[in-house]
Protein backbone atom coordinates (compact mmCIF):
# COMPACT_ATOMS: atom_id res chain seq x y z
CA MET A 1 -33.86 -15.93 -24.26
CA LYS A 2 -33.07 -12.25 -24.52
CA LYS A 3 -33.67 -12.00 -20.68
CA ILE A 4 -31.31 -14.67 -19.99
CA LEU A 5 -28.52 -13.02 -22.12
CA GLU A 6 -29.20 -9.73 -20.38
CA ALA A 7 -29.03 -11.35 -16.87
CA LEU A 8 -25.53 -13.17 -17.95
CA LYS A 9 -24.07 -9.85 -18.86
CA LEU A 10 -25.13 -8.27 -15.66
CA PHE A 11 -23.73 -11.03 -13.81
CA PHE A 12 -20.21 -11.17 -15.48
CA LYS A 13 -20.30 -7.23 -15.43
CA GLY A 14 -20.67 -7.69 -11.54
CA ILE A 15 -18.05 -10.24 -11.28
CA ASP A 16 -15.61 -7.85 -13.38
CA THR A 17 -16.20 -4.93 -11.22
CA ALA A 18 -15.54 -6.93 -8.20
CA MET A 19 -12.26 -8.42 -9.53
CA ARG A 20 -11.05 -4.79 -10.65
CA GLU A 21 -12.07 -3.34 -7.15
CA SER A 22 -10.01 -6.23 -5.41
CA ALA A 23 -7.07 -5.86 -7.36
CA LEU A 24 -7.05 -2.17 -6.96
CA SER A 25 -7.44 -2.55 -3.51
CA LEU A 26 -4.27 -5.01 -3.29
CA ILE A 27 -2.15 -2.63 -5.59
CA GLU A 28 -3.06 0.40 -3.52
CA HIS A 29 -1.85 -1.52 -0.26
CA GLU A 30 1.39 -2.53 -2.06
CA LEU A 31 1.88 1.08 -2.96
CA ARG A 32 1.42 2.19 0.57
CA GLU A 33 3.83 -0.80 1.74
CA GLU A 34 6.58 0.35 -0.74
CA GLU A 35 6.21 4.01 0.41
CA ASN A 36 7.03 2.59 4.03
CA VAL A 37 9.92 0.69 2.76
CA PHE A 38 11.32 3.77 0.75
CA ALA A 39 10.90 6.26 3.94
CA LEU A 40 12.55 3.38 6.01
CA ILE A 41 15.62 3.05 3.56
CA THR A 42 16.14 6.87 3.29
CA MET A 43 15.48 7.67 7.04
CA SER A 44 17.23 4.55 8.40
CA MET A 45 19.01 6.49 10.99
CA PHE A 46 16.11 6.82 13.23
CA SER A 47 15.70 3.02 13.13
CA GLY A 48 19.41 1.81 13.46
CA LEU A 49 19.93 0.87 10.27
CA PRO A 50 22.98 1.85 8.23
CA SER A 51 21.96 5.29 6.31
CA PRO A 52 22.64 6.29 2.90
CA PRO A 53 25.14 8.76 2.36
CA THR A 54 24.37 12.24 4.20
CA GLY A 55 24.78 14.05 0.81
CA VAL A 56 22.06 12.06 -0.85
CA ILE A 57 19.69 12.59 2.13
CA LEU A 58 20.28 16.19 2.14
CA ARG A 59 19.47 16.57 -1.67
CA ILE A 60 16.16 14.52 -1.35
CA LEU A 61 15.06 15.78 2.18
CA PRO A 62 12.82 18.46 0.67
CA TYR A 63 10.66 15.96 -1.24
CA MET A 64 10.50 13.73 1.86
CA GLU A 65 7.82 15.61 3.65
CA ARG A 66 5.12 12.91 2.66
CA GLU A 67 7.21 9.91 3.48
CA ILE A 68 7.81 11.39 6.94
CA GLN A 69 4.35 12.16 7.30
CA ILE A 70 3.79 8.38 6.37
CA MET A 71 6.04 7.15 8.72
CA VAL A 72 4.63 9.13 11.64
CA LYS A 73 1.07 7.94 10.81
CA LYS A 74 2.35 4.41 10.41
CA SER A 75 4.14 4.27 13.75
CA SER A 76 0.85 5.46 15.50
CA GLU A 77 -0.96 2.52 13.87
CA LEU A 78 1.65 0.11 14.80
CA ASP A 79 -0.65 -2.59 16.71
CA ASP A 80 0.07 -5.70 14.69
CA VAL A 81 1.60 -5.37 11.43
CA PHE A 82 1.42 -8.90 10.32
CA ALA A 83 -2.46 -8.88 10.80
CA ASN A 84 -2.86 -5.50 9.01
CA THR A 85 -0.98 -7.32 6.06
CA LEU A 86 -2.91 -10.46 5.79
CA SER A 87 -6.10 -8.62 6.17
CA HIS A 88 -5.85 -7.54 2.70
CA PHE A 89 -5.82 -11.18 1.48
CA ASP A 90 -8.68 -13.31 1.97
CA ILE A 91 -7.40 -15.65 4.36
CA ASP A 92 -9.48 -17.36 6.98
């Protein structure tokens, strides 16, 4: 009986770990996408969208180095954005 309980504990612990890793992966992906959206909004002049006021952009520009690097990296990986997004969800 004790072995069965230990086996059940290990089984449910494994399920718990897998669910946590899956949730963490989705949260990390959402964070990356929100960083992309933030960079697109603040640097929209490069994409043809109306840009925020210039004074605001100049004040936050020193803090935008990471976002600019993200935009450059993202633009170099733009094969199929829809497929990249759907690959994080278990859709067959």
